[in-house]
PDB file of N, CA and C in Angstrom:
ATOM      1  N   SER A   1      32.276 -14.065 276.808  1.00  0.00           N
ATOM      2  CA  SER A   1      32.046 -14.447 278.199  1.00  0.00           C
ATOM      3  C   SER A   1      31.134 -15.667 278.237  1.00  0.00           C
ATOM      4  N   PRO A   2      31.143 -16.400 279.340  1.00  0.00           N
ATOM      5  CA  PRO A   2      30.243 -17.551 279.449  1.00  0.00           C
ATOM      6  C   PRO A   2      28.778 -17.160 279.271  1.00  0.00           C
ATOM      7  N   GLU A   3      28.406 -15.978 279.781  1.00  0.00           N
ATOM      8  CA  GLU A   3      27.025 -15.532 279.640  1.00  0.00           C
ATOM      9  C   GLU A   3      26.663 -15.330 278.174  1.00  0.00           C
ATOM     10  N   GLU A   4      27.570 -14.744 277.410  1.00  0.00           N
ATOM     11  CA  GLU A   4      27.323 -14.530 275.985  1.00  0.00           C
ATOM     12  C   GLU A   4      27.195 -15.859 275.259  1.00  0.00           C
ATOM     13  N   ILE A   5      28.046 -16.796 275.593  1.00  0.00           N
ATOM     14  CA  ILE A   5      28.008 -18.109 274.946  1.00  0.00           C
ATOM     15  C   ILE A   5      26.695 -18.810 275.264  1.00  0.00           C
ATOM     16  N   CYS A   6      26.244 -18.724 276.511  1.00  0.00           N
ATOM     17  CA  CYS A   6      24.996 -19.373 276.901  1.00  0.00           C
ATOM     18  C   CYS A   6      23.787 -18.772 276.190  1.00  0.00           C
ATOM     19  N   ASN A   7      23.862 -17.509 275.816  1.00  0.00           N
ATOM     20  CA  ASN A   7      22.743 -16.838 275.169  1.00  0.00           C
ATOM     21  C   ASN A   7      22.743 -17.006 273.652  1.00  0.00           C
ATOM     22  N   LEU A   8      23.782 -17.592 273.087  1.00  0.00           N
ATOM     23  CA  LEU A   8      23.831 -17.794 271.644  1.00  0.00           C
ATOM     24  C   LEU A   8      22.822 -18.854 271.222  1.00  0.00           C
ATOM     25  N   GLN A   9      22.256 -18.690 270.050  1.00  0.00           N
ATOM     26  CA  GLN A   9      21.304 -19.657 269.516  1.00  0.00           C
ATOM     27  C   GLN A   9      22.053 -20.645 268.626  1.00  0.00           C
ATOM     28  N   ILE A  10      22.773 -21.549 269.237  1.00  0.00           N
ATOM     29  CA  ILE A  10      23.533 -22.553 268.508  1.00  0.00           C
ATOM     30  C   ILE A  10      23.261 -23.916 269.131  1.00  0.00           C
ATOM     31  N   PRO A  11      23.483 -24.986 268.381  1.00  0.00           N
ATOM     32  CA  PRO A  11      23.240 -26.320 268.944  1.00  0.00           C
ATOM     33  C   PRO A  11      24.033 -26.537 270.225  1.00  0.00           C
ATOM     34  N   GLU A  12      23.466 -27.315 271.151  1.00  0.00           N
ATOM     35  CA  GLU A  12      24.109 -27.549 272.452  1.00  0.00           C
ATOM     36  C   GLU A  12      25.535 -28.054 272.298  1.00  0.00           C
ATOM     37  N   ASP A  13      25.740 -28.992 271.392  1.00  0.00           N
ATOM     38  CA  ASP A  13      27.065 -29.569 271.200  1.00  0.00           C
ATOM     39  C   ASP A  13      28.074 -28.483 270.844  1.00  0.00           C
ATOM     40  N   GLU A  14      27.751 -27.678 269.869  1.00  0.00           N
ATOM     41  CA  GLU A  14      28.663 -26.625 269.430  1.00  0.00           C
ATOM     42  C   GLU A  14      28.894 -25.597 270.540  1.00  0.00           C
ATOM     43  N   GLY A  15      27.849 -25.238 271.257  1.00  0.00           N
ATOM     44  CA  GLY A  15      27.972 -24.264 272.341  1.00  0.00           C
ATOM     45  C   GLY A  15      28.847 -24.757 273.473  1.00  0.00           C
ATOM     46  N   ARG A  16      28.659 -25.993 273.843  1.00  0.00           N
ATOM     47  CA  ARG A  16      29.453 -26.565 274.931  1.00  0.00           C
ATOM     48  C   ARG A  16      30.927 -26.657 274.534  1.00  0.00           C
ATOM     49  N   ASN A  17      31.181 -27.083 273.306  1.00  0.00           N
ATOM     50  CA  ASN A  17      32.551 -27.139 272.804  1.00  0.00           C
ATOM     51  C   ASN A  17      33.189 -25.756 272.855  1.00  0.00           C
ATOM     52  N   LYS A  18      32.494 -24.753 272.349  1.00  0.00           N
ATOM     53  CA  LYS A  18      33.031 -23.387 272.310  1.00  0.00           C
ATOM     54  C   LYS A  18      33.263 -22.829 273.706  1.00  0.00           C
ATOM     55  N   GLU A  19      32.340 -23.084 274.607  1.00  0.00           N
ATOM     56  CA  GLU A  19      32.470 -22.563 275.963  1.00  0.00           C
ATOM     57  C   GLU A  19      33.717 -23.116 276.654  1.00  0.00           C
ATOM     58  N   ILE A  20      33.932 -24.412 276.544  1.00  0.00           N
ATOM     59  CA  ILE A  20      35.092 -25.038 277.180  1.00  0.00           C
ATOM     60  C   ILE A  20      36.389 -24.570 276.520  1.00  0.00           C
ATOM     61  N   MET A  21      36.424 -24.555 275.191  1.00  0.00           N
ATOM     62  CA  MET A  21      37.628 -24.112 274.478  1.00  0.00           C
ATOM     63  C   MET A  21      37.953 -22.659 274.816  1.00  0.00           C
ATOM     64  N   HIS A  22      36.935 -21.825 274.909  1.00  0.00           N
ATOM     65  CA  HIS A  22      37.146 -20.421 275.274  1.00  0.00           C
ATOM     66  C   HIS A  22      37.776 -20.314 276.665  1.00  0.00           C
ATOM     67  N   TYR A  23      37.242 -21.037 277.622  1.00  0.00           N
ATOM     68  CA  TYR A  23      37.757 -21.001 278.986  1.00  0.00           C
ATOM     69  C   TYR A  23      39.221 -21.449 279.027  1.00  0.00           C
ATOM     70  N   ILE A  24      39.528 -22.524 278.327  1.00  0.00           N
ATOM     71  CA  ILE A  24      40.893 -23.056 278.292  1.00  0.00           C
ATOM     72  C   ILE A  24      41.858 -22.029 277.715  1.00  0.00           C
ATOM     73  N   GLN A  25      41.467 -21.391 276.633  1.00  0.00           N
ATOM     74  CA  GLN A  25      42.322 -20.403 275.969  1.00  0.00           C
ATOM     75  C   GLN A  25      42.499 -19.142 276.811  1.00  0.00           C
ATOM     76  N   VAL A  26      41.412 -18.631 277.367  1.00  0.00           N
ATOM     77  CA  VAL A  26      41.476 -17.401 278.165  1.00  0.00           C
ATOM     78  C   VAL A  26      42.358 -17.583 279.392  1.00  0.00           C
ATOM     79  N   HIS A  27      42.305 -18.743 280.002  1.00  0.00           N
ATOM     80  CA  HIS A  27      43.056 -18.986 281.244  1.00  0.00           C
ATOM     81  C   HIS A  27      44.396 -19.682 281.019  1.00  0.00           C
ATOM     82  N   GLY A  28      44.756 -19.922 279.767  1.00  0.00           N
ATOM     83  CA  GLY A  28      46.058 -20.515 279.454  1.00  0.00           C
ATOM     84  C   GLY A  28      46.248 -21.907 280.022  1.00  0.00           C
ATOM     85  N   ILE A  29      45.205 -22.675 280.077  1.00  0.00           N
ATOM     86  CA  ILE A  29      45.271 -24.014 280.662  1.00  0.00           C
ATOM     87  C   ILE A  29      45.963 -24.965 279.687  1.00  0.00           C
ATOM     88  N   GLN A  30      46.944 -25.691 280.175  1.00  0.00           N
ATOM     89  CA  GLN A  30      47.698 -26.621 279.347  1.00  0.00           C
ATOM     90  C   GLN A  30      47.220 -28.063 279.514  1.00  0.00           C
ATOM     91  N   LYS A  31      47.013 -28.475 280.749  1.00  0.00           N
ATOM     92  CA  LYS A  31      46.559 -29.838 281.028  1.00  0.00           C
ATOM     93  C   LYS A  31      45.197 -29.749 281.693  1.00  0.00           C
ATOM     94  N   TYR A  32      44.291 -30.541 281.182  1.00  0.00           N
ATOM     95  CA  TYR A  32      42.951 -30.537 281.754  1.00  0.00           C
ATOM     96  C   TYR A  32      42.262 -31.868 281.502  1.00  0.00           C
ATOM     97  N   LEU A  33      41.234 -32.085 282.273  1.00  0.00           N
ATOM     98  CA  LEU A  33      40.446 -33.297 282.201  1.00  0.00           C
ATOM     99  C   LEU A  33      38.982 -32.891 282.163  1.00  0.00           C
ATOM    100  N   ILE A  34      38.231 -33.530 281.304  1.00  0.00           N
ATOM    101  CA  ILE A  34      36.795 -33.293 281.251  1.00  0.00           C
ATOM    102  C   ILE A  34      36.102 -34.576 281.699  1.00  0.00           C
ATOM    103  N   LEU A  35      35.319 -34.474 282.751  1.00  0.00           N
ATOM    104  CA  LEU A  35      34.500 -35.593 283.219  1.00  0.00           C
ATOM    105  C   LEU A  35      33.068 -35.240 282.850  1.00  0.00           C
ATOM    106  N   ASP A  36      32.489 -35.998 281.941  1.00  0.00           N
ATOM    107  CA  ASP A  36      31.158 -35.627 281.465  1.00  0.00           C
ATOM    108  C   ASP A  36      30.466 -36.825 280.842  1.00  0.00           C
ATOM    109  N   ASP A  37      29.142 -36.773 280.812  1.00  0.00           N
ATOM    110  CA  ASP A  37      28.364 -37.804 280.123  1.00  0.00           C
ATOM    111  C   ASP A  37      27.991 -37.344 278.715  1.00  0.00           C
ATOM    112  N   PHE A  38      28.507 -36.207 278.321  1.00  0.00           N
ATOM    113  CA  PHE A  38      28.216 -35.588 277.029  1.00  0.00           C
ATOM    114  C   PHE A  38      29.197 -36.090 275.972  1.00  0.00           C
ATOM    115  N   ASP A  39      28.727 -36.300 274.759  1.00  0.00           N
ATOM    116  CA  ASP A  39      29.598 -36.684 273.652  1.00  0.00           C
ATOM    117  C   ASP A  39      30.051 -35.431 272.917  1.00  0.00           C
ATOM    118  N   PHE A  40      31.302 -35.090 273.038  1.00  0.00           N
ATOM    119  CA  PHE A  40      31.847 -33.894 272.390  1.00  0.00           C
ATOM    120  C   PHE A  40      32.202 -34.185 270.938  1.00  0.00           C
ATOM    121  N   SER A  41      31.991 -33.202 270.065  1.00  0.00           N
ATOM    122  CA  SER A  41      32.361 -33.347 268.654  1.00  0.00           C
ATOM    123  C   SER A  41      33.754 -32.794 268.390  1.00  0.00           C
ATOM    124  N   ASN A  42      34.231 -31.900 269.251  1.00  0.00           N
ATOM    125  CA  ASN A  42      35.544 -31.283 269.084  1.00  0.00           C
ATOM    126  C   ASN A  42      36.636 -32.322 269.361  1.00  0.00           C
ATOM    127  N   GLU A  43      37.477 -32.562 268.358  1.00  0.00           N
ATOM    128  CA  GLU A  43      38.506 -33.611 268.481  1.00  0.00           C
ATOM    129  C   GLU A  43      39.505 -33.317 269.605  1.00  0.00           C
ATOM    130  N   GLU A  44      39.853 -32.063 269.810  1.00  0.00           N
ATOM    131  CA  GLU A  44      40.797 -31.702 270.880  1.00  0.00           C
ATOM    132  C   GLU A  44      40.184 -32.010 272.249  1.00  0.00           C
ATOM    133  N   LEU A  45      38.926 -31.666 272.433  1.00  0.00           N
ATOM    134  CA  LEU A  45      38.265 -31.936 273.708  1.00  0.00           C
ATOM    135  C   LEU A  45      38.104 -33.430 273.952  1.00  0.00           C
ATOM    136  N   LYS A  46      37.861 -34.193 272.908  1.00  0.00           N
ATOM    137  CA  LYS A  46      37.722 -35.647 273.046  1.00  0.00           C
ATOM    138  C   LYS A  46      38.966 -36.282 273.637  1.00  0.00           C
ATOM    139  N   LYS A  47      40.137 -35.704 273.352  1.00  0.00           N
ATOM    140  CA  LYS A  47      41.402 -36.233 273.874  1.00  0.00           C
ATOM    141  C   LYS A  47      41.486 -36.096 275.393  1.00  0.00           C
ATOM    142  N   HIS A  48      40.678 -35.212 275.966  1.00  0.00           N
ATOM    143  CA  HIS A  48      40.736 -34.913 277.398  1.00  0.00           C
ATOM    144  C   HIS A  48      39.476 -35.382 278.135  1.00  0.00           C
ATOM    145  N   LEU A  49      38.619 -36.096 277.432  1.00  0.00           N
ATOM    146  CA  LEU A  49      37.338 -36.517 277.989  1.00  0.00           C
ATOM    147  C   LEU A  49      37.406 -37.910 278.601  1.00  0.00           C
ATOM    148  N   VAL A  50      36.893 -38.009 279.810  1.00  0.00           N
ATOM    149  CA  VAL A  50      36.614 -39.295 280.422  1.00  0.00           C
ATOM    150  C   VAL A  50      35.092 -39.340 280.507  1.00  0.00           C
ATOM    151  N   LYS A  51      34.535 -40.213 279.698  1.00  0.00           N
ATOM    152  CA  LYS A  51      33.081 -40.292 279.564  1.00  0.00           C
ATOM    153  C   LYS A  51      32.484 -41.047 280.741  1.00  0.00           C
ATOM    154  N   THR A  52      31.605 -40.383 281.448  1.00  0.00           N
ATOM    155  CA  THR A  52      30.886 -40.994 282.560  1.00  0.00           C
ATOM    156  C   THR A  52      29.439 -41.193 282.125  1.00  0.00           C
ATOM    157  N   TRP A  53      28.651 -41.829 282.961  1.00  0.00           N
ATOM    158  CA  TRP A  53      27.243 -42.050 282.652  1.00  0.00           C
ATOM    159  C   TRP A  53      26.384 -41.186 283.531  1.00  0.00           C
ATOM    160  N   TYR A  54      25.290 -40.755 282.977  1.00  0.00           N
ATOM    161  CA  TYR A  54      24.370 -39.908 283.721  1.00  0.00           C
ATOM    162  C   TYR A  54      23.511 -40.738 284.669  1.00  0.00           C
ATOM    163  N   TRP A  55      22.793 -40.040 285.517  1.00  0.00           N
ATOM    164  CA  TRP A  55      21.952 -40.669 286.527  1.00  0.00           C
ATOM    165  C   TRP A  55      20.996 -41.668 285.890  1.00  0.00           C
ATOM    166  N   GLY A  56      20.808 -42.780 286.541  1.00  0.00           N
ATOM    167  CA  GLY A  56      19.857 -43.774 286.083  1.00  0.00           C
ATOM    168  C   GLY A  56      20.493 -44.922 285.324  1.00  0.00           C
ATOM    169  N   LYS A  57      21.735 -44.786 284.951  1.00  0.00           N
ATOM    170  CA  LYS A  57      22.430 -45.859 284.247  1.00  0.00           C
ATOM    171  C   LYS A  57      23.253 -46.664 285.249  1.00  0.00           C
ATOM    172  N   LYS A  58      23.571 -47.890 284.866  1.00  0.00           N
ATOM    173  CA  LYS A  58      24.468 -48.695 285.683  1.00  0.00           C
ATOM    174  C   LYS A  58      25.840 -48.024 285.680  1.00  0.00           C
ATOM    175  N   ASP A  59      26.540 -48.074 286.760  1.00  0.00           N
ATOM    176  CA  ASP A  59      27.871 -47.455 286.886  1.00  0.00           C
ATOM    177  C   ASP A  59      27.820 -45.944 286.701  1.00  0.00           C
ATOM    178  N   THR A  60      26.826 -45.306 287.274  1.00  0.00           N
ATOM    179  CA  THR A  60      26.657 -43.857 287.176  1.00  0.00           C
ATOM    180  C   THR A  60      27.838 -43.112 287.780  1.00  0.00           C
ATOM    181  N   GLY A  61      28.246 -42.022 287.116  1.00  0.00           N
ATOM    182  CA  GLY A  61      29.262 -41.123 287.639  1.00  0.00           C
ATOM    183  C   GLY A  61      30.684 -41.630 287.479  1.00  0.00           C
ATOM    184  N   LEU A  62      31.584 -41.014 288.200  1.00  0.00           N
ATOM    185  CA  LEU A  62      33.002 -41.362 288.164  1.00  0.00           C
ATOM    186  C   LEU A  62      33.223 -42.674 288.909  1.00  0.00           C
ATOM    187  N   ARG A  63      33.918 -43.592 288.247  1.00  0.00           N
ATOM    188  CA  ARG A  63      34.119 -44.915 288.808  1.00  0.00           C
ATOM    189  C   ARG A  63      35.608 -45.267 288.816  1.00  0.00           C
ATOM    190  N   ILE A  64      35.970 -46.286 289.555  1.00  0.00           N
ATOM    191  CA  ILE A  64      37.348 -46.769 289.621  1.00  0.00           C
ATOM    192  C   ILE A  64      37.865 -47.068 288.212  1.00  0.00           C
ATOM    193  N   LYS A  65      37.004 -47.627 287.366  1.00  0.00           N
ATOM    194  CA  LYS A  65      37.420 -48.004 286.010  1.00  0.00           C
ATOM    195  C   LYS A  65      37.888 -46.799 285.177  1.00  0.00           C
ATOM    196  N   HIS A  66      37.557 -45.600 285.582  1.00  0.00           N
ATOM    197  CA  HIS A  66      37.963 -44.404 284.846  1.00  0.00           C
ATOM    198  C   HIS A  66      39.405 -43.973 285.156  1.00  0.00           C
ATOM    199  N   LEU A  67      39.994 -44.540 286.198  1.00  0.00           N
ATOM    200  CA  LEU A  67      41.333 -44.125 286.612  1.00  0.00           C
ATOM    201  C   LEU A  67      42.388 -44.318 285.527  1.00  0.00           C
ATOM    202  N   ASP A  68      42.310 -45.397 284.778  1.00  0.00           N
ATOM    203  CA  ASP A  68      43.282 -45.625 283.703  1.00  0.00           C
ATOM    204  C   ASP A  68      43.198 -44.523 282.647  1.00  0.00           C
ATOM    205  N   GLU A  69      41.982 -44.118 282.300  1.00  0.00           N
ATOM    206  CA  GLU A  69      41.807 -43.050 281.310  1.00  0.00           C
ATOM    207  C   GLU A  69      42.357 -41.727 281.849  1.00  0.00           C
ATOM    208  N   ILE A  70      42.112 -41.451 283.113  1.00  0.00           N
ATOM    209  CA  ILE A  70      42.603 -40.214 283.734  1.00  0.00           C
ATOM    210  C   ILE A  70      44.127 -40.201 283.745  1.00  0.00           C
ATOM    211  N   GLU A  71      44.740 -41.307 284.129  1.00  0.00           N
ATOM    212  CA  GLU A  71      46.194 -41.406 284.146  1.00  0.00           C
ATOM    213  C   GLU A  71      46.777 -41.207 282.738  1.00  0.00           C
ATOM    214  N   LYS A  72      46.136 -41.748 281.746  1.00  0.00           N
ATOM    215  CA  LYS A  72      46.599 -41.608 280.370  1.00  0.00           C
ATOM    216  C   LYS A  72      46.565 -40.147 279.914  1.00  0.00           C
ATOM    217  N   ILE A  73      45.490 -39.451 280.248  1.00  0.00           N
ATOM    218  CA  ILE A  73      45.367 -38.037 279.870  1.00  0.00           C
ATOM    219  C   ILE A  73      46.455 -37.205 280.513  1.00  0.00           C
ATOM    220  N   PHE A  74      46.777 -37.478 281.771  1.00  0.00           N
ATOM    221  CA  PHE A  74      47.789 -36.705 282.493  1.00  0.00           C
ATOM    222  C   PHE A  74      49.185 -37.323 282.413  1.00  0.00           C
ATOM    223  N   ASN A  75      49.336 -38.372 281.626  1.00  0.00           N
ATOM    224  CA  ASN A  75      50.625 -39.041 281.464  1.00  0.00           C
ATOM    225  C   ASN A  75      51.238 -39.451 282.787  1.00  0.00           C
ATOM    226  N   ILE A  76      50.452 -40.034 283.632  1.00  0.00           N
ATOM    227  CA  ILE A  76      50.929 -40.454 284.956  1.00  0.00           C
ATOM    228  C   ILE A  76      51.513 -41.844 284.859  1.00  0.00           C
TER     229      ILE A  76
END
């Protein structure tokens, strides 16, 4: 469960990867998009990531420039 994953004593990167992969598998999700400022180590998740910037950086959040990446992930 997400609660169990959050309580595990593992590095943030590994925990976040596992939590997302678990959710995708449990719910049978085929197509998905990850919008995040986090750098994922999981190669499968990287294929679905549109990297945004966190607060305080120039071009913070989801921007028009991300649309091409989103279209590519969803094969639009």
